[in-house]
Amino acid sequence: ALVISPWVERGRVDHTIFDHGSIPATLERLFGLQPLTDRDKAAHDVLS
């Protein structure tokens, strides 16, 4: 998995646990939406 933006550090390797539930979690927290399930509620997002 790669996270790409002009707002992220160059050449960072990150060890945080993510899964595909992190995609809706990222969208929900960025855009102010409620979690769909307990999986995305618990998931890390990539906004950090």
All heavy atoms as atom14 arrays in JSON, in Angstrom:
{
  "sequence": "ALVISPWVERGRVDHTIFDHGSIPATLERLFGLQPLTDRDKAAHDVLS",
  "atom14_mask": [
    [1, 1, 1, 1, 1, 0, 0, 0, 0, 0, 0, 0, 0, 0],
    [1, 1, 1, 1, 1, 1, 1, 1, 0, 0, 0, 0, 0, 0],
    [1, 1, 1, 1, 1, 1, 1, 0, 0, 0, 0, 0, 0, 0],
    [1, 1, 1, 1, 1, 1, 1, 1, 0, 0, 0, 0, 0, 0],
    [1, 1, 1, 1, 1, 1, 0, 0, 0, 0, 0, 0, 0, 0],
    [1, 1, 1, 1, 1, 1, 1, 0, 0, 0, 0, 0, 0, 0],
    [1, 1, 1, 1, 1, 1, 1, 1, 1, 1, 1, 1, 1, 1],
    [1, 1, 1, 1, 1, 1, 1, 0, 0, 0, 0, 0, 0, 0],
    [1, 1, 1, 1, 1, 1, 1, 1, 1, 0, 0, 0, 0, 0],
    [1, 1, 1, 1, 1, 1, 1, 1, 1, 1, 1, 0, 0, 0],
    [1, 1, 1, 1, 0, 0, 0, 0, 0, 0, 0, 0, 0, 0],
    [1, 1, 1, 1, 1, 1, 1, 1, 1, 1, 1, 0, 0, 0],
    [1, 1, 1, 1, 1, 1, 1, 0, 0, 0, 0, 0, 0, 0],
    [1, 1, 1, 1, 1, 1, 1, 1, 0, 0, 0, 0, 0, 0],
    [1, 1, 1, 1, 1, 1, 1, 1, 1, 1, 0, 0, 0, 0],
    [1, 1, 1, 1, 1, 1, 1, 0, 0, 0, 0, 0, 0, 0],
    [1, 1, 1, 1, 1, 1, 1, 1, 0, 0, 0, 0, 0, 0],
    [1, 1, 1, 1, 1, 1, 1, 1, 1, 1, 1, 0, 0, 0],
    [1, 1, 1, 1, 1, 1, 1, 1, 0, 0, 0, 0, 0, 0],
    [1, 1, 1, 1, 1, 1, 1, 1, 1, 1, 0, 0, 0, 0],
    [1, 1, 1, 1, 0, 0, 0, 0, 0, 0, 0, 0, 0, 0],
    [1, 1, 1, 1, 1, 1, 0, 0, 0, 0, 0, 0, 0, 0],
    [1, 1, 1, 1, 1, 1, 1, 1, 0, 0, 0, 0, 0, 0],
    [1, 1, 1, 1, 1, 1, 1, 0, 0, 0, 0, 0, 0, 0],
    [1, 1, 1, 1, 1, 0, 0, 0, 0, 0, 0, 0, 0, 0],
    [1, 1, 1, 1, 1, 1, 1, 0, 0, 0, 0, 0, 0, 0],
    [1, 1, 1, 1, 1, 1, 1, 1, 0, 0, 0, 0, 0, 0],
    [1, 1, 1, 1, 1, 1, 1, 1, 1, 0, 0, 0, 0, 0],
    [1, 1, 1, 1, 1, 1, 1, 1, 1, 1, 1, 0, 0, 0],
    [1, 1, 1, 1, 1, 1, 1, 1, 0, 0, 0, 0, 0, 0],
    [1, 1, 1, 1, 1, 1, 1, 1, 1, 1, 1, 0, 0, 0],
    [1, 1, 1, 1, 0, 0, 0, 0, 0, 0, 0, 0, 0, 0],
    [1, 1, 1, 1, 1, 1, 1, 1, 0, 0, 0, 0, 0, 0],
    [1, 1, 1, 1, 1, 1, 1, 1, 1, 0, 0, 0, 0, 0],
    [1, 1, 1, 1, 1, 1, 1, 0, 0, 0, 0, 0, 0, 0],
    [1, 1, 1, 1, 1, 1, 1, 1, 0, 0, 0, 0, 0, 0],
    [1, 1, 1, 1, 1, 1, 1, 0, 0, 0, 0, 0, 0, 0],
    [1, 1, 1, 1, 1, 1, 1, 1, 0, 0, 0, 0, 0, 0],
    [1, 1, 1, 1, 1, 1, 1, 1, 1, 1, 1, 0, 0, 0],
    [1, 1, 1, 1, 1, 1, 1, 1, 0, 0, 0, 0, 0, 0],
    [1, 1, 1, 1, 1, 1, 1, 1, 1, 0, 0, 0, 0, 0],
    [1, 1, 1, 1, 1, 0, 0, 0, 0, 0, 0, 0, 0, 0],
    [1, 1, 1, 1, 1, 0, 0, 0, 0, 0, 0, 0, 0, 0],
    [1, 1, 1, 1, 1, 1, 1, 1, 1, 1, 0, 0, 0, 0],
    [1, 1, 1, 1, 1, 1, 1, 1, 0, 0, 0, 0, 0, 0],
    [1, 1, 1, 1, 1, 1, 1, 0, 0, 0, 0, 0, 0, 0],
    [1, 1, 1, 1, 1, 1, 1, 1, 0, 0, 0, 0, 0, 0],
    [1, 1, 1, 1, 1, 1, 0, 0, 0, 0, 0, 0, 0, 0]
  ],
  "atom14_positions": [
    [[0.84, -1.19, 0.0], [0.0, 0.0, 0.0], [0.88, 1.24, 0.0], [1.85, 1.33, 0.76], [-0.94, 0.02, 1.2], [0.0, 0.0, 0.0], [0.0, 0.0, 0.0], [0.0, 0.0, 0.0], [0.0, 0.0, 0.0], [0.0, 0.0, 0.0], [0.0, 0.0, 0.0], [0.0, 0.0, 0.0], [0.0, 0.0, 0.0], [0.0, 0.0, 0.0]],
    [[0.53, 2.19, -0.85], [1.23, 3.47, -0.97], [0.26, 4.59, -0.71], [-0.9, 4.54, -1.15], [1.81, 3.63, -2.37], [2.71, 2.51, -2.91], [3.07, 2.8, -4.36], [3.95, 2.37, -2.06], [0.0, 0.0, 0.0], [0.0, 0.0, 0.0], [0.0, 0.0, 0.0], [0.0, 0.0, 0.0], [0.0, 0.0, 0.0], [0.0, 0.0, 0.0]],
    [[0.72, 5.61, -0.01], [-0.06, 6.83, 0.22], [0.7, 7.98, -0.39], [1.85, 8.25, -0.02], [-0.33, 7.05, 1.71], [-1.13, 8.33, 1.93], [-1.07, 5.85, 2.32], [0.0, 0.0, 0.0], [0.0, 0.0, 0.0], [0.0, 0.0, 0.0], [0.0, 0.0, 0.0], [0.0, 0.0, 0.0], [0.0, 0.0, 0.0], [0.0, 0.0, 0.0]],
    [[0.06, 8.67, -1.34], [0.74, 9.61, -2.22], [0.02, 10.96, -2.16], [-1.19, 11.04, -2.35], [0.73, 9.06, -3.66], [1.49, 7.73, -3.71], [1.3, 10.07, -4.65], [1.06, 6.83, -4.84], [0.0, 0.0, 0.0], [0.0, 0.0, 0.0], [0.0, 0.0, 0.0], [0.0, 0.0, 0.0], [0.0, 0.0, 0.0], [0.0, 0.0, 0.0]],
    [[0.78, 12.0, -1.9], [0.25, 13.35, -1.86], [1.42, 14.32, -1.73], [2.47, 13.96, -1.17], [-0.69, 13.53, -0.65], [-1.09, 14.88, -0.5], [0.0, 0.0, 0.0], [0.0, 0.0, 0.0], [0.0, 0.0, 0.0], [0.0, 0.0, 0.0], [0.0, 0.0, 0.0], [0.0, 0.0, 0.0], [0.0, 0.0, 0.0], [0.0, 0.0, 0.0]],
    [[1.27, 15.55, -2.2], [2.33, 16.53, -1.94], [2.41, 16.91, -0.47], [3.36, 17.6, -0.07], [1.93, 17.71, -2.81], [0.46, 17.6, -2.97], [0.19, 16.12, -3.02], [0.0, 0.0, 0.0], [0.0, 0.0, 0.0], [0.0, 0.0, 0.0], [0.0, 0.0, 0.0], [0.0, 0.0, 0.0], [0.0, 0.0, 0.0], [0.0, 0.0, 0.0]],
    [[1.46, 16.44, 0.34], [1.43, 16.78, 1.76], [2.03, 15.69, 2.65], [1.95, 15.79, 3.86], [0.0, 17.09, 2.19], [-0.58, 18.29, 1.51], [-1.33, 18.32, 0.36], [-0.43, 19.65, 1.92], [-1.65, 19.6, 0.03], [-1.12, 20.46, 0.98], [0.22, 20.27, 3.0], [-1.18, 21.85, 1.07], [0.15, 21.66, 3.08], [-0.53, 22.43, 2.14]],
    [[2.62, 14.64, 2.06], [3.25, 13.6, 2.89], [4.76, 13.66, 2.73], [5.29, 14.2, 1.75], [2.73, 12.19, 2.53], [1.22, 12.11, 2.67], [3.18, 11.74, 1.13], [0.0, 0.0, 0.0], [0.0, 0.0, 0.0], [0.0, 0.0, 0.0], [0.0, 0.0, 0.0], [0.0, 0.0, 0.0], [0.0, 0.0, 0.0], [0.0, 0.0, 0.0]],
    [[5.45, 13.1, 3.71], [6.91, 13.09, 3.69], [7.45, 12.23, 2.56], [6.83, 11.24, 2.16], [7.44, 12.55, 5.02], [7.07, 13.36, 6.24], [7.42, 12.62, 7.51], [8.59, 12.24, 7.66], [6.51, 12.4, 8.33], [0.0, 0.0, 0.0], [0.0, 0.0, 0.0], [0.0, 0.0, 0.0], [0.0, 0.0, 0.0], [0.0, 0.0, 0.0]],
    [[8.62, 12.58, 2.11], [9.29, 11.79, 1.07], [9.96, 10.58, 1.69], [10.67, 10.67, 2.69], [10.34, 12.65, 0.37], [11.07, 11.93, -0.76], [12.05, 12.87, -1.46], [12.67, 12.22, -2.61], [13.79, 11.51, -2.56], [14.43, 11.37, -1.4], [14.27, 10.96, -3.65], [0.0, 0.0, 0.0], [0.0, 0.0, 0.0], [0.0, 0.0, 0.0]],
    [[9.74, 9.4, 1.1], [10.45, 8.19, 1.48], [10.15, 7.68, 2.87], [11.02, 7.12, 3.53], [0.0, 0.0, 0.0], [0.0, 0.0, 0.0], [0.0, 0.0, 0.0], [0.0, 0.0, 0.0], [0.0, 0.0, 0.0], [0.0, 0.0, 0.0], [0.0, 0.0, 0.0], [0.0, 0.0, 0.0], [0.0, 0.0, 0.0], [0.0, 0.0, 0.0]],
    [[8.93, 7.83, 3.32], [8.56, 7.35, 4.65], [8.08, 5.9, 4.59], [7.3, 5.52, 3.72], [7.44, 8.23, 5.21], [6.84, 7.74, 6.53], [5.91, 8.79, 7.09], [5.18, 8.33, 8.27], [4.45, 9.11, 9.05], [4.36, 10.41, 8.78], [3.82, 8.62, 10.08], [0.0, 0.0, 0.0], [0.0, 0.0, 0.0], [0.0, 0.0, 0.0]],
    [[8.57, 5.08, 5.5], [8.06, 3.72, 5.71], [7.29, 3.73, 7.02], [7.81, 4.14, 8.05], [9.21, 2.69, 5.77], [8.67, 1.32, 6.17], [9.94, 2.62, 4.43], [0.0, 0.0, 0.0], [0.0, 0.0, 0.0], [0.0, 0.0, 0.0], [0.0, 0.0, 0.0], [0.0, 0.0, 0.0], [0.0, 0.0, 0.0], [0.0, 0.0, 0.0]],
    [[6.04, 3.28, 6.96], [5.19, 3.35, 8.15], [4.72, 1.95, 8.53], [4.34, 1.15, 7.68], [3.99, 4.24, 7.89], [3.23, 4.54, 9.17], [3.56, 5.54, 9.83], [2.33, 3.75, 9.52], [0.0, 0.0, 0.0], [0.0, 0.0, 0.0], [0.0, 0.0, 0.0], [0.0, 0.0, 0.0], [0.0, 0.0, 0.0], [0.0, 0.0, 0.0]],
    [[4.74, 1.67, 9.86], [4.41, 0.35, 10.37], [3.03, 0.27, 11.02], [2.7, -0.74, 11.66], [5.45, -0.08, 11.41], [6.87, -0.01, 10.94], [7.28, -0.54, 9.74], [7.98, 0.52, 11.51], [8.59, -0.34, 9.59], [9.03, 0.31, 10.65], [0.0, 0.0, 0.0], [0.0, 0.0, 0.0], [0.0, 0.0, 0.0], [0.0, 0.0, 0.0]],
    [[2.22, 1.31, 10.88], [0.88, 1.29, 11.46], [0.03, 0.2, 10.81], [0.11, -0.02, 9.6], [0.19, 2.65, 11.23], [1.02, 3.68, 11.74], [-1.17, 2.71, 11.9], [0.0, 0.0, 0.0], [0.0, 0.0, 0.0], [0.0, 0.0, 0.0], [0.0, 0.0, 0.0], [0.0, 0.0, 0.0], [0.0, 0.0, 0.0], [0.0, 0.0, 0.0]],
    [[-0.79, -0.47, 11.59], [-1.67, -1.5, 11.06], [-2.88, -0.85, 10.38], [-3.61, -0.07, 10.97], [-2.14, -2.46, 12.17], [-0.95, -3.27, 12.7], [-3.25, -3.39, 11.66], [-1.27, -4.15, 13.87], [0.0, 0.0, 0.0], [0.0, 0.0, 0.0], [0.0, 0.0, 0.0], [0.0, 0.0, 0.0], [0.0, 0.0, 0.0], [0.0, 0.0, 0.0]],
    [[-3.04, -1.19, 9.1], [-4.18, -0.78, 8.3], [-4.82, -2.02, 7.68], [-4.19, -3.07, 7.57], [-3.76, 0.15, 7.16], [-3.13, 1.45, 7.59], [-1.75, 1.62, 7.58], [-3.93, 2.53, 7.98], [-1.16, 2.81, 7.95], [-3.35, 3.73, 8.36], [-1.98, 3.87, 8.35], [0.0, 0.0, 0.0], [0.0, 0.0, 0.0], [0.0, 0.0, 0.0]],
    [[-6.05, -1.88, 7.25], [-6.65, -2.83, 6.33], [-7.55, -2.04, 5.4], [-7.58, -0.8, 5.45], [-7.42, -3.94, 7.09], [-8.83, -3.52, 7.49], [-8.98, -2.5, 8.2], [-9.79, -4.2, 7.09], [0.0, 0.0, 0.0], [0.0, 0.0, 0.0], [0.0, 0.0, 0.0], [0.0, 0.0, 0.0], [0.0, 0.0, 0.0], [0.0, 0.0, 0.0]],
    [[-8.31, -2.71, 4.55], [-9.11, -1.98, 3.57], [-10.21, -1.16, 4.23], [-10.71, -0.19, 3.62], [-9.7, -2.95, 2.55], [-8.66, -3.69, 1.75], [-7.44, -3.14, 1.44], [-8.65, -4.94, 1.22], [-6.73, -4.01, 0.73], [-7.45, -5.11, 0.59], [0.0, 0.0, 0.0], [0.0, 0.0, 0.0], [0.0, 0.0, 0.0], [0.0, 0.0, 0.0]],
    [[-10.57, -1.5, 5.47], [-11.49, -0.65, 6.21], [-10.92, 0.73, 6.5], [-11.67, 1.66, 6.85], [0.0, 0.0, 0.0], [0.0, 0.0, 0.0], [0.0, 0.0, 0.0], [0.0, 0.0, 0.0], [0.0, 0.0, 0.0], [0.0, 0.0, 0.0], [0.0, 0.0, 0.0], [0.0, 0.0, 0.0], [0.0, 0.0, 0.0], [0.0, 0.0, 0.0]],
    [[-9.61, 0.88, 6.35], [-8.97, 2.19, 6.54], [-9.34, 3.16, 5.43], [-9.21, 4.38, 5.61], [-7.45, 2.03, 6.6], [-7.07, 1.27, 7.73], [0.0, 0.0, 0.0], [0.0, 0.0, 0.0], [0.0, 0.0, 0.0], [0.0, 0.0, 0.0], [0.0, 0.0, 0.0], [0.0, 0.0, 0.0], [0.0, 0.0, 0.0], [0.0, 0.0, 0.0]],
    [[-9.79, 2.65, 4.28], [-10.18, 3.55, 3.18], [-11.49, 4.25, 3.52], [-11.53, 5.5, 3.51], [-10.22, 2.78, 1.85], [-8.79, 2.39, 1.46], [-10.89, 3.62, 0.75], [-8.69, 1.47, 0.26], [0.0, 0.0, 0.0], [0.0, 0.0, 0.0], [0.0, 0.0, 0.0], [0.0, 0.0, 0.0], [0.0, 0.0, 0.0], [0.0, 0.0, 0.0]],
    [[-12.57, 3.53, 3.85], [-13.75, 4.28, 4.29], [-13.5, 5.08, 5.56], [-14.04, 6.19, 5.71], [-14.82, 3.19, 4.5], [-14.12, 1.9, 4.47], [-12.87, 2.09, 3.69], [0.0, 0.0, 0.0], [0.0, 0.0, 0.0], [0.0, 0.0, 0.0], [0.0, 0.0, 0.0], [0.0, 0.0, 0.0], [0.0, 0.0, 0.0], [0.0, 0.0, 0.0]],
    [[-12.65, 4.58, 6.47], [-12.35, 5.34, 7.69], [-11.71, 6.69, 7.35], [-12.05, 7.73, 7.95], [-11.44, 4.54, 8.61], [0.0, 0.0, 0.0], [0.0, 0.0, 0.0], [0.0, 0.0, 0.0], [0.0, 0.0, 0.0], [0.0, 0.0, 0.0], [0.0, 0.0, 0.0], [0.0, 0.0, 0.0], [0.0, 0.0, 0.0], [0.0, 0.0, 0.0]],
    [[-10.79, 6.7, 6.4], [-10.14, 7.94, 5.98], [-11.16, 8.91, 5.39], [-11.17, 10.11, 5.72], [-9.03, 7.63, 4.95], [-8.02, 6.84, 5.59], [-8.42, 8.9, 4.4], [0.0, 0.0, 0.0], [0.0, 0.0, 0.0], [0.0, 0.0, 0.0], [0.0, 0.0, 0.0], [0.0, 0.0, 0.0], [0.0, 0.0, 0.0], [0.0, 0.0, 0.0]],
    [[-12.02, 8.4, 4.53], [-13.04, 9.26, 3.91], [-14.01, 9.8, 4.95], [-14.39, 10.98, 4.92], [-13.79, 8.47, 2.85], [-12.95, 8.05, 1.63], [-13.68, 6.98, 0.82], [-12.63, 9.24, 0.75], [0.0, 0.0, 0.0], [0.0, 0.0, 0.0], [0.0, 0.0, 0.0], [0.0, 0.0, 0.0], [0.0, 0.0, 0.0], [0.0, 0.0, 0.0]],
    [[-14.42, 8.95, 5.88], [-15.39, 9.37, 6.9], [-14.83, 10.47, 7.78], [-15.51, 11.48, 8.06], [-15.79, 8.16, 7.74], [-16.63, 7.15, 6.99], [-16.51, 5.73, 7.5], [-15.81, 5.51, 8.54], [-17.08, 4.82, 6.89], [0.0, 0.0, 0.0], [0.0, 0.0, 0.0], [0.0, 0.0, 0.0], [0.0, 0.0, 0.0], [0.0, 0.0, 0.0]],
    [[-13.59, 10.32, 8.21], [-13.01, 11.32, 9.12], [-12.66, 12.6, 8.38], [-12.78, 13.69, 8.94], [-11.81, 10.7, 9.84], [-12.26, 9.6, 10.8], [-11.17, 8.69, 11.27], [-11.76, 7.44, 11.77], [-11.07, 6.35, 12.05], [-9.75, 6.32, 11.86], [-11.69, 5.26, 12.49], [0.0, 0.0, 0.0], [0.0, 0.0, 0.0], [0.0, 0.0, 0.0]],
    [[-12.24, 12.46, 7.15], [-11.91, 13.66, 6.37], [-13.16, 14.48, 6.06], [-13.13, 15.72, 6.13], [-11.22, 13.25, 5.07], [-10.79, 14.37, 4.12], [-9.77, 15.29, 4.79], [-10.21, 13.79, 2.84], [0.0, 0.0, 0.0], [0.0, 0.0, 0.0], [0.0, 0.0, 0.0], [0.0, 0.0, 0.0], [0.0, 0.0, 0.0], [0.0, 0.0, 0.0]],
    [[-14.25, 13.79, 5.73], [-15.45, 14.49, 5.26], [-16.58, 14.52, 6.29], [-17.71, 14.9, 5.97], [-15.93, 13.86, 3.96], [-14.92, 13.94, 2.84], [-14.54, 12.82, 2.12], [-14.32, 15.16, 2.52], [-13.61, 12.89, 1.1], [-13.38, 15.24, 1.49], [-13.03, 14.11, 0.78], [0.0, 0.0, 0.0], [0.0, 0.0, 0.0], [0.0, 0.0, 0.0]],
    [[-16.29, 14.12, 7.54], [-17.27, 14.25, 8.6], [-18.44, 13.3, 8.51], [-19.58, 13.67, 8.83], [0.0, 0.0, 0.0], [0.0, 0.0, 0.0], [0.0, 0.0, 0.0], [0.0, 0.0, 0.0], [0.0, 0.0, 0.0], [0.0, 0.0, 0.0], [0.0, 0.0, 0.0], [0.0, 0.0, 0.0], [0.0, 0.0, 0.0], [0.0, 0.0, 0.0]],
    [[-18.17, 12.05, 8.13], [-19.21, 11.03, 8.01], [-19.13, 10.05, 9.17], [-18.08, 9.89, 9.79], [-19.05, 10.26, 6.69], [-18.98, 11.11, 5.41], [-18.65, 10.22, 4.22], [-20.28, 11.86, 5.2], [0.0, 0.0, 0.0], [0.0, 0.0, 0.0], [0.0, 0.0, 0.0], [0.0, 0.0, 0.0], [0.0, 0.0, 0.0], [0.0, 0.0, 0.0]],
    [[-20.22, 9.36, 9.45], [-20.25, 8.37, 10.51], [-19.69, 7.03, 10.02], [-19.8, 6.7, 8.83], [-21.68, 8.17, 11.01], [-22.26, 9.36, 11.73], [-21.43, 9.74, 12.95], [-21.17, 8.9, 13.83], [-21.0, 10.99, 13.01], [0.0, 0.0, 0.0], [0.0, 0.0, 0.0], [0.0, 0.0, 0.0], [0.0, 0.0, 0.0], [0.0, 0.0, 0.0]],
    [[-19.09, 6.22, 10.91], [-18.62, 4.89, 10.51], [-19.77, 4.02, 10.01], [-20.91, 4.14, 10.45], [-18.02, 4.31, 11.79], [-17.76, 5.47, 12.67], [-18.8, 6.5, 12.34], [0.0, 0.0, 0.0], [0.0, 0.0, 0.0], [0.0, 0.0, 0.0], [0.0, 0.0, 0.0], [0.0, 0.0, 0.0], [0.0, 0.0, 0.0], [0.0, 0.0, 0.0]],
    [[-19.44, 3.14, 9.08], [-20.42, 2.2, 8.55], [-20.54, 0.95, 9.41], [-21.62, 0.38, 9.53], [-20.04, 1.81, 7.12], [-19.99, 2.95, 6.1], [-19.34, 2.47, 4.8], [-21.37, 3.51, 5.83], [0.0, 0.0, 0.0], [0.0, 0.0, 0.0], [0.0, 0.0, 0.0], [0.0, 0.0, 0.0], [0.0, 0.0, 0.0], [0.0, 0.0, 0.0]],
    [[-19.41, 0.5, 9.97], [-19.37, -0.73, 10.77], [-18.33, -0.56, 11.88], [-17.62, 0.45, 11.95], [-18.98, -1.96, 9.92], [-17.57, -1.92, 9.64], [-19.75, -2.01, 8.61], [0.0, 0.0, 0.0], [0.0, 0.0, 0.0], [0.0, 0.0, 0.0], [0.0, 0.0, 0.0], [0.0, 0.0, 0.0], [0.0, 0.0, 0.0], [0.0, 0.0, 0.0]],
    [[-18.23, -1.58, 12.71], [-17.19, -1.55, 13.75], [-15.79, -1.67, 13.17], [-14.83, -1.26, 13.82], [-17.42, -2.67, 14.77], [-18.56, -2.39, 15.73], [-19.11, -1.27, 15.69], [-18.89, -3.29, 16.52], [0.0, 0.0, 0.0], [0.0, 0.0, 0.0], [0.0, 0.0, 0.0], [0.0, 0.0, 0.0], [0.0, 0.0, 0.0], [0.0, 0.0, 0.0]],
    [[-15.65, -2.2, 11.95], [-14.31, -2.33, 11.35], [-13.74, -0.96, 11.02], [-12.6, -0.65, 11.4], [-14.37, -3.21, 10.1], [-13.04, -3.35, 9.34], [-11.94, -4.04, 10.15], [-12.22, -5.43, 10.38], [-11.87, -6.44, 9.58], [-11.22, -6.19, 8.45], [-12.16, -7.68, 9.89], [0.0, 0.0, 0.0], [0.0, 0.0, 0.0], [0.0, 0.0, 0.0]],
    [[-14.46, -0.13, 10.3], [-13.92, 1.19, 9.96], [-13.9, 2.1, 11.18], [-13.06, 3.0, 11.27], [-14.65, 1.83, 8.79], [-16.15, 1.86, 8.93], [-16.72, 0.9, 9.47], [-16.8, 2.82, 8.46], [0.0, 0.0, 0.0], [0.0, 0.0, 0.0], [0.0, 0.0, 0.0], [0.0, 0.0, 0.0], [0.0, 0.0, 0.0], [0.0, 0.0, 0.0]],
    [[-14.8, 1.86, 12.13], [-14.76, 2.64, 13.37], [-13.44, 2.44, 14.1], [-12.86, 3.37, 14.66], [-15.93, 2.25, 14.26], [-16.03, 3.04, 15.56], [-17.25, 2.61, 16.37], [-17.36, 3.41, 17.67], [-18.56, 2.99, 18.44], [0.0, 0.0, 0.0], [0.0, 0.0, 0.0], [0.0, 0.0, 0.0], [0.0, 0.0, 0.0], [0.0, 0.0, 0.0]],
    [[-12.93, 1.2, 14.08], [-11.69, 0.87, 14.78], [-10.44, 1.1, 13.94], [-9.33, 1.16, 14.48], [-11.72, -0.6, 15.22], [0.0, 0.0, 0.0], [0.0, 0.0, 0.0], [0.0, 0.0, 0.0], [0.0, 0.0, 0.0], [0.0, 0.0, 0.0], [0.0, 0.0, 0.0], [0.0, 0.0, 0.0], [0.0, 0.0, 0.0], [0.0, 0.0, 0.0]],
    [[-10.59, 1.24, 12.63], [-9.44, 1.29, 11.72], [-8.67, 2.59, 11.84], [-9.25, 3.66, 12.07], [-9.92, 1.11, 10.28], [0.0, 0.0, 0.0], [0.0, 0.0, 0.0], [0.0, 0.0, 0.0], [0.0, 0.0, 0.0], [0.0, 0.0, 0.0], [0.0, 0.0, 0.0], [0.0, 0.0, 0.0], [0.0, 0.0, 0.0], [0.0, 0.0, 0.0]],
    [[-7.35, 2.5, 11.68], [-6.54, 3.7, 11.5], [-6.85, 4.31, 10.14], [-7.1, 3.6, 9.17], [-5.05, 3.37, 11.57], [-4.55, 3.03, 12.94], [-4.23, 1.74, 13.32], [-4.33, 3.8, 14.03], [-3.83, 1.74, 14.58], [-3.89, 2.98, 15.03], [0.0, 0.0, 0.0], [0.0, 0.0, 0.0], [0.0, 0.0, 0.0], [0.0, 0.0, 0.0]],
    [[-6.82, 5.63, 10.08], [-6.88, 6.32, 8.8], [-5.47, 6.77, 8.42], [-4.52, 6.63, 9.21], [-7.84, 7.51, 8.85], [-7.44, 8.53, 9.91], [-6.35, 9.12, 9.79], [-8.21, 8.75, 10.87], [0.0, 0.0, 0.0], [0.0, 0.0, 0.0], [0.0, 0.0, 0.0], [0.0, 0.0, 0.0], [0.0, 0.0, 0.0], [0.0, 0.0, 0.0]],
    [[-5.31, 7.3, 7.21], [-3.98, 7.71, 6.74], [-3.77, 9.22, 6.87], [-2.75, 9.75, 6.4], [-3.73, 7.27, 5.29], [-3.9, 5.76, 5.14], [-4.64, 8.01, 4.31], [0.0, 0.0, 0.0], [0.0, 0.0, 0.0], [0.0, 0.0, 0.0], [0.0, 0.0, 0.0], [0.0, 0.0, 0.0], [0.0, 0.0, 0.0], [0.0, 0.0, 0.0]],
    [[-4.69, 9.9, 7.52], [-4.59, 11.36, 7.61], [-3.44, 11.82, 8.49], [-2.96, 12.95, 8.35], [-5.92, 11.93, 8.12], [-7.14, 11.6, 7.26], [-8.41, 12.15, 7.89], [-6.98, 12.12, 5.83], [0.0, 0.0, 0.0], [0.0, 0.0, 0.0], [0.0, 0.0, 0.0], [0.0, 0.0, 0.0], [0.0, 0.0, 0.0], [0.0, 0.0, 0.0]],
    [[-2.98, 10.93, 9.39], [-1.83, 11.3, 10.23], [-0.54, 11.46, 9.41], [0.43, 12.02, 9.9], [-1.62, 10.27, 11.33], [-1.28, 9.01, 10.78], [0.0, 0.0, 0.0], [0.0, 0.0, 0.0], [0.0, 0.0, 0.0], [0.0, 0.0, 0.0], [0.0, 0.0, 0.0], [0.0, 0.0, 0.0], [0.0, 0.0, 0.0], [0.0, 0.0, 0.0]]
  ]
}
